[in-house]
Amino acid sequence: QVLGGHNSAIALADGYGVLDGFWTKALHLIDRKWENEVVKTHNQLVSLTDQLRLGARFLELDVHWVAGELRIAHCGGWSSARVDGVVARLNAWAAKVGLPQWRWDSETVGCSPSLSSIPVRKQRSFRSALEEVRQWAAQPENSQELVMLFLDDQADLETFGVTGALREELLRAFGGGLFTPEDLAAAGGAWPTMQEMVDAGRRVLVMSGSAYPDLGPVVFHKADICGWQEPGLEALDPETCTIGGQAPGAAGRIFRMNACELRYGPLGCDGGPGPNGPPLDPGRLRRAAAC
């Protein structure tokens, strides 16, 4: 087991959700039927550094192209062919008259405009998040620790032509400290243990939710790692330590399980009405850790 966080960098400590209280009060004024609803747009309370200090070794970084650079922002999951068609026509016209392309699409809604109770340009840069992890890993007391980073990104990074910038940011932060697909190929495809990675000077392993050719030598695509699956927390049976009836170790698979407590008034994490799934409260966390 590896303890991790969901949308790890969407943290109140860095300003995400700072206006949630204001929007909650505004919601209550709009309609009394919502007086028990809340707006909660931050996934974490504490910084990446403090999450690592608390024992997290799997961090999810939501990286998107926002306001002219790679930033930590929460969007994706919603798209509109009609909206994207309008943007495509505008960009076609811009190309004819020599204007720059508009690097934006419907998947960017939530990042720009921001739905995380933080101004668009106040959302932290991807570089600063990587630097925070690098500084923690560089401390002598953490020299035997391996950190896994999962990039929750969208295919539009390739459309926008910025995957090369993403790769360069990773290499700038960690360089030879990355355990890469090339390292795995050199080992004959046999995965080393975490300690063997650390002993070889590899301190960070990066995975992406999207497959980009530019990142292939540096970043693993999640679909290529041990039959990666993402079941809901309700799939865990703490009595038998199985997930959906499967024992993770015996199945040779990675199960990334997470919970979400975001609220947009009457709407939950998935944008639909009603409650979210079961929260990862202290009781559930203890039972899961016992496995």
Protein backbone atom coordinates (compact mmCIF):
# COMPACT_ATOMS: atom_id res chain seq x y z
CA GLN A 1 0.00 0.00 0.00
CA VAL A 2 1.00 3.57 -0.70
CA LEU A 3 -0.77 6.45 0.98
CA GLY A 4 -1.70 9.19 -1.44
CA GLY A 5 -3.96 12.13 -2.06
CA HIS A 6 -6.68 13.04 -4.55
CA ASN A 7 -5.95 16.26 -6.45
CA SER A 8 -3.11 16.75 -4.02
CA ALA A 9 -2.14 20.27 -5.11
CA ILE A 10 -5.69 21.67 -5.09
CA ALA A 11 -5.02 22.72 -1.51
CA LEU A 12 -6.46 25.46 0.68
CA ALA A 13 -2.90 26.17 1.84
CA ASP A 14 -2.16 27.46 -1.68
CA GLY A 15 -5.34 29.49 -2.06
CA TYR A 16 -7.66 26.99 -3.75
CA GLY A 17 -11.11 27.24 -2.21
CA VAL A 18 -10.25 30.44 -0.37
CA LEU A 19 -13.61 31.96 -1.36
CA ASP A 20 -15.70 28.87 -0.62
CA GLY A 21 -17.24 30.50 2.46
CA PHE A 22 -18.33 33.52 0.42
CA TRP A 23 -19.97 31.39 -2.27
CA THR A 24 -21.66 29.22 0.35
CA LYS A 25 -23.28 32.29 1.91
CA ALA A 26 -24.27 33.58 -1.53
CA LEU A 27 -25.87 30.22 -2.29
CA HIS A 28 -27.95 30.42 0.88
CA LEU A 29 -29.18 33.88 -0.11
CA ILE A 30 -30.19 32.76 -3.59
CA ASP A 31 -32.65 30.12 -2.45
CA ARG A 32 -33.62 28.90 1.02
CA LYS A 33 -33.86 25.32 -0.25
CA TRP A 34 -30.05 25.40 -0.45
CA GLU A 35 -29.49 26.62 3.10
CA ASN A 36 -27.90 23.30 4.08
CA GLU A 37 -25.71 23.09 0.97
CA VAL A 38 -22.07 24.16 0.87
CA VAL A 39 -19.48 25.11 -1.71
CA LYS A 40 -16.22 23.23 -1.23
CA THR A 41 -13.75 23.41 -4.10
CA HIS A 42 -10.46 22.42 -2.45
CA ASN A 43 -9.49 18.76 -2.15
CA GLN A 44 -6.77 19.19 0.45
CA LEU A 45 -6.17 21.46 3.41
CA VAL A 46 -2.39 21.33 3.69
CA SER A 47 0.49 21.86 1.27
CA LEU A 48 2.28 19.20 -0.75
CA THR A 49 5.18 19.43 1.70
CA ASP A 50 2.93 18.76 4.67
CA GLN A 51 1.19 15.91 2.86
CA LEU A 52 4.61 14.33 2.32
CA ARG A 53 5.50 14.93 5.97
CA LEU A 54 2.27 13.17 6.94
CA GLY A 55 3.29 10.08 4.95
CA ALA A 56 1.78 10.54 1.50
CA ARG A 57 4.03 9.16 -1.23
CA PHE A 58 1.57 9.30 -4.14
CA LEU A 59 0.67 12.84 -5.20
CA GLU A 60 -1.82 13.74 -7.91
CA LEU A 61 -1.02 16.94 -9.79
CA ASP A 62 -3.77 18.40 -11.97
CA VAL A 63 -1.73 20.06 -14.70
CA HIS A 64 -3.35 22.11 -17.46
CA TRP A 65 -2.47 24.91 -19.86
CA VAL A 66 -4.03 27.98 -18.28
CA ALA A 67 -3.38 31.68 -18.90
CA GLY A 68 -0.29 31.05 -20.97
CA GLU A 69 1.51 28.47 -18.85
CA LEU A 70 1.29 25.06 -17.24
CA ARG A 71 -0.59 25.48 -14.00
CA ILE A 72 -2.12 23.42 -11.24
CA ALA A 73 -5.85 23.73 -11.85
CA HIS A 74 -8.96 21.57 -11.57
CA CYS A 75 -10.83 20.98 -14.82
CA GLY A 76 -11.60 18.33 -17.42
CA GLY A 77 -14.34 15.76 -17.63
CA TRP A 78 -16.79 18.06 -19.41
CA SER A 79 -16.61 18.82 -23.10
CA SER A 80 -18.80 20.40 -25.76
CA ALA A 81 -18.32 19.73 -29.45
CA ARG A 82 -20.26 22.92 -30.20
CA VAL A 83 -18.01 25.11 -28.05
CA ASP A 84 -14.87 23.45 -29.40
CA GLY A 85 -16.16 23.96 -32.95
CA VAL A 86 -16.50 27.69 -32.34
CA VAL A 87 -12.95 27.85 -30.95
CA ALA A 88 -11.65 25.90 -33.97
CA ARG A 89 -13.28 28.37 -36.38
CA LEU A 90 -11.85 31.32 -34.47
CA ASN A 91 -8.38 29.77 -34.60
CA ALA A 92 -8.74 29.08 -38.33
CA TRP A 93 -9.58 32.74 -38.88
CA ALA A 94 -6.68 33.81 -36.62
CA ALA A 95 -4.27 31.69 -38.64
CA LYS A 96 -5.39 33.40 -41.87
CA VAL A 97 -4.78 36.88 -40.53
CA GLY A 98 -1.56 36.04 -38.70
CA LEU A 99 -2.85 36.14 -35.14
CA PRO A 100 -1.76 33.67 -32.42
CA GLN A 101 -3.89 30.62 -31.70
CA TRP A 102 -6.24 30.55 -28.74
CA ARG A 103 -5.11 27.64 -26.57
CA TRP A 104 -8.41 26.94 -24.90
CA ASP A 105 -11.23 24.41 -25.24
CA SER A 106 -14.31 23.28 -23.35
CA GLU A 107 -12.23 20.89 -21.22
CA THR A 108 -10.55 23.97 -19.76
CA VAL A 109 -13.77 25.13 -18.08
CA GLY A 110 -13.09 24.91 -14.36
CA CYS A 111 -9.49 26.04 -14.83
CA SER A 112 -10.31 29.11 -16.91
CA PRO A 113 -12.78 30.31 -15.83
CA SER A 114 -11.78 28.96 -12.45
CA LEU A 115 -14.31 26.98 -10.43
CA SER A 116 -11.91 26.53 -7.51
CA SER A 117 -12.73 29.79 -5.70
CA ILE A 118 -9.41 31.28 -6.79
CA PRO A 119 -8.61 33.78 -9.54
CA VAL A 120 -7.29 32.17 -12.72
CA ARG A 121 -3.83 33.73 -12.53
CA LYS A 122 -3.50 32.96 -8.82
CA GLN A 123 -3.49 29.23 -9.58
CA ARG A 124 0.04 28.07 -8.93
CA SER A 125 2.45 27.10 -11.68
CA PHE A 126 3.29 23.47 -12.40
CA ARG A 127 6.94 24.41 -11.95
CA SER A 128 6.38 25.62 -8.39
CA ALA A 129 4.60 22.39 -7.44
CA LEU A 130 7.45 20.28 -8.82
CA GLU A 131 9.99 22.47 -7.05
CA GLU A 132 8.18 21.97 -3.75
CA VAL A 133 8.39 18.18 -4.16
CA ARG A 134 12.05 18.42 -5.23
CA GLN A 135 12.97 20.45 -2.17
CA TRP A 136 11.29 17.95 0.16
CA ALA A 137 13.04 15.00 -1.53
CA ALA A 138 16.41 16.79 -1.30
CA GLN A 139 16.32 16.92 2.50
CA PRO A 140 18.82 14.43 4.02
CA GLU A 141 16.17 12.81 6.20
CA ASN A 142 14.17 11.96 3.05
CA SER A 143 17.03 10.46 1.08
CA GLN A 144 15.51 6.96 1.18
CA GLU A 145 12.05 8.01 0.02
CA LEU A 146 10.46 7.41 -3.38
CA VAL A 147 7.69 9.77 -4.50
CA MET A 148 5.15 8.87 -7.17
CA LEU A 149 3.53 11.68 -9.13
CA PHE A 150 0.35 11.15 -11.11
CA LEU A 151 -0.41 13.84 -13.68
CA ASP A 152 -4.15 14.26 -14.06
CA ASP A 153 -4.04 15.97 -17.44
CA GLN A 154 -5.99 16.11 -20.68
CA ALA A 155 -5.16 15.23 -24.28
CA ASP A 156 -5.51 18.93 -25.17
CA LEU A 157 -1.96 19.50 -23.91
CA GLU A 158 -0.82 17.73 -27.08
CA THR A 159 -3.33 19.69 -29.18
CA PHE A 160 -1.93 22.92 -27.73
CA GLY A 161 1.64 21.79 -28.47
CA VAL A 162 2.86 22.07 -24.88
CA THR A 163 3.80 18.49 -24.01
CA GLY A 164 7.43 19.34 -24.72
CA ALA A 165 7.23 22.07 -22.08
CA LEU A 166 5.73 19.53 -19.67
CA ARG A 167 8.64 17.16 -20.26
CA GLU A 168 11.19 19.93 -19.78
CA GLU A 169 9.65 20.96 -16.48
CA LEU A 170 9.92 17.39 -15.18
CA LEU A 171 13.53 17.08 -16.31
CA ARG A 172 14.37 20.49 -14.88
CA ALA A 173 13.04 19.49 -11.47
CA PHE A 174 14.26 15.90 -11.20
CA GLY A 175 16.64 15.13 -14.08
CA GLY A 176 18.44 11.83 -13.51
CA GLY A 177 16.40 11.23 -10.38
CA LEU A 178 13.44 10.04 -12.46
CA PHE A 179 12.70 6.34 -12.88
CA THR A 180 11.60 6.25 -16.50
CA PRO A 181 10.17 3.81 -19.07
CA GLU A 182 13.68 3.69 -20.53
CA ASP A 183 14.98 2.47 -17.16
CA LEU A 184 12.30 -0.20 -17.09
CA ALA A 185 13.18 -1.32 -20.61
CA ALA A 186 16.86 -1.49 -19.64
CA ALA A 187 15.86 -3.82 -16.78
CA GLY A 188 14.19 -6.15 -19.25
CA GLY A 189 10.71 -5.00 -18.29
CA ALA A 190 10.99 -6.39 -14.76
CA TRP A 191 9.88 -3.83 -12.19
CA PRO A 192 12.43 -3.17 -9.44
CA THR A 193 11.33 -2.72 -5.86
CA MET A 194 10.93 0.78 -4.52
CA GLN A 195 14.11 0.36 -2.50
CA GLU A 196 16.02 -0.76 -5.59
CA MET A 197 14.88 2.38 -7.39
CA VAL A 198 16.10 4.54 -4.51
CA ASP A 199 19.41 2.65 -4.34
CA ALA A 200 19.90 3.40 -8.04
CA GLY A 201 19.34 7.10 -7.40
CA ARG A 202 15.83 7.14 -8.82
CA ARG A 203 13.67 9.08 -6.39
CA VAL A 204 10.62 10.05 -8.47
CA LEU A 205 8.31 8.05 -10.73
CA VAL A 206 5.87 10.01 -12.90
CA MET A 207 2.66 8.66 -14.43
CA SER A 208 0.21 10.42 -16.72
CA GLY A 209 -3.48 10.03 -17.33
CA SER A 210 -2.90 10.70 -21.05
CA ALA A 211 -0.46 9.08 -23.47
CA TYR A 212 1.82 11.62 -25.13
CA PRO A 213 4.56 10.54 -27.58
CA ASP A 214 6.77 13.40 -26.36
CA LEU A 215 6.69 12.07 -22.81
CA GLY A 216 7.16 8.38 -23.58
CA PRO A 217 10.85 8.23 -22.59
CA VAL A 218 10.22 10.05 -19.31
CA VAL A 219 6.64 9.41 -18.12
CA PHE A 220 4.63 6.20 -17.78
CA HIS A 221 1.10 6.09 -19.11
CA LYS A 222 -1.15 4.74 -16.40
CA ALA A 223 -2.64 2.13 -18.75
CA ASP A 224 0.81 0.53 -19.07
CA ILE A 225 1.30 0.02 -15.33
CA CYS A 226 0.11 -3.27 -13.86
CA GLY A 227 -3.41 -3.17 -15.28
CA TRP A 228 -4.18 0.14 -13.54
CA GLN A 229 -7.74 0.36 -12.22
CA GLU A 230 -9.61 3.12 -10.37
CA PRO A 231 -12.54 1.62 -8.48
CA GLY A 232 -14.57 3.65 -6.03
CA LEU A 233 -13.89 3.45 -2.33
CA GLU A 234 -17.09 1.47 -1.87
CA ALA A 235 -15.45 -1.44 -3.75
CA LEU A 236 -13.14 -2.12 -0.79
CA ASP A 237 -14.16 -4.97 1.50
CA PRO A 238 -12.03 -4.47 4.62
CA GLU A 239 -13.08 -7.85 6.02
CA THR A 240 -11.48 -9.79 3.17
CA CYS A 241 -9.06 -7.06 2.00
CA THR A 242 -10.36 -7.40 -1.54
CA ILE A 243 -11.35 -4.75 -4.05
CA GLY A 244 -14.33 -5.70 -6.15
CA GLY A 245 -13.68 -9.31 -5.17
CA GLN A 246 -10.01 -9.16 -6.24
CA ALA A 247 -6.93 -9.29 -4.05
CA PRO A 248 -4.60 -6.57 -5.40
CA GLY A 249 -1.34 -8.42 -4.80
CA ALA A 250 -2.56 -11.72 -6.17
CA ALA A 251 -4.12 -10.02 -9.18
CA GLY A 252 -0.87 -8.20 -10.01
CA ARG A 253 -2.77 -4.96 -10.49
CA ILE A 254 -2.63 -1.43 -9.19
CA PHE A 255 -5.86 -0.22 -7.65
CA ARG A 256 -5.94 3.53 -7.22
CA MET A 257 -8.78 4.20 -4.85
CA ASN A 258 -9.82 7.68 -3.88
CA ALA A 259 -12.69 9.59 -2.39
CA CYS A 260 -13.97 13.04 -3.23
CA GLU A 261 -15.76 15.53 -1.01
CA LEU A 262 -16.02 18.49 -3.38
CA ARG A 263 -19.41 20.21 -3.37
CA TYR A 264 -20.83 22.79 -5.71
CA GLY A 265 -23.95 23.50 -3.70
CA PRO A 266 -26.49 20.85 -4.69
CA LEU A 267 -24.01 19.28 -7.13
CA GLY A 268 -21.40 16.71 -6.19
CA CYS A 269 -17.94 15.82 -7.48
CA ASP A 270 -19.22 14.47 -10.78
CA GLY A 271 -21.32 17.55 -11.46
CA GLY A 272 -24.55 15.71 -10.82
CA PRO A 273 -27.11 16.23 -8.06
CA GLY A 274 -27.03 14.27 -4.84
CA PRO A 275 -24.38 13.11 -2.38
CA ASN A 276 -20.86 11.98 -3.18
CA GLY A 277 -19.63 8.46 -2.54
CA PRO A 278 -18.43 7.38 0.90
CA PRO A 279 -15.79 9.70 2.37
CA LEU A 280 -12.35 8.49 3.40
CA ASP A 281 -13.02 9.20 7.07
CA PRO A 282 -10.74 8.02 9.90
CA GLY A 283 -12.70 4.78 10.34
CA ARG A 284 -12.49 3.78 6.69
CA LEU A 285 -8.85 4.83 6.51
CA ARG A 286 -7.94 2.61 9.50
CA ARG A 287 -9.77 -0.37 8.01
CA ALA A 288 -8.15 0.11 4.63
CA ALA A 289 -4.67 0.53 6.14
CA ALA A 290 -5.15 -2.67 8.13
CA CYS A 291 -5.16 -4.58 4.84
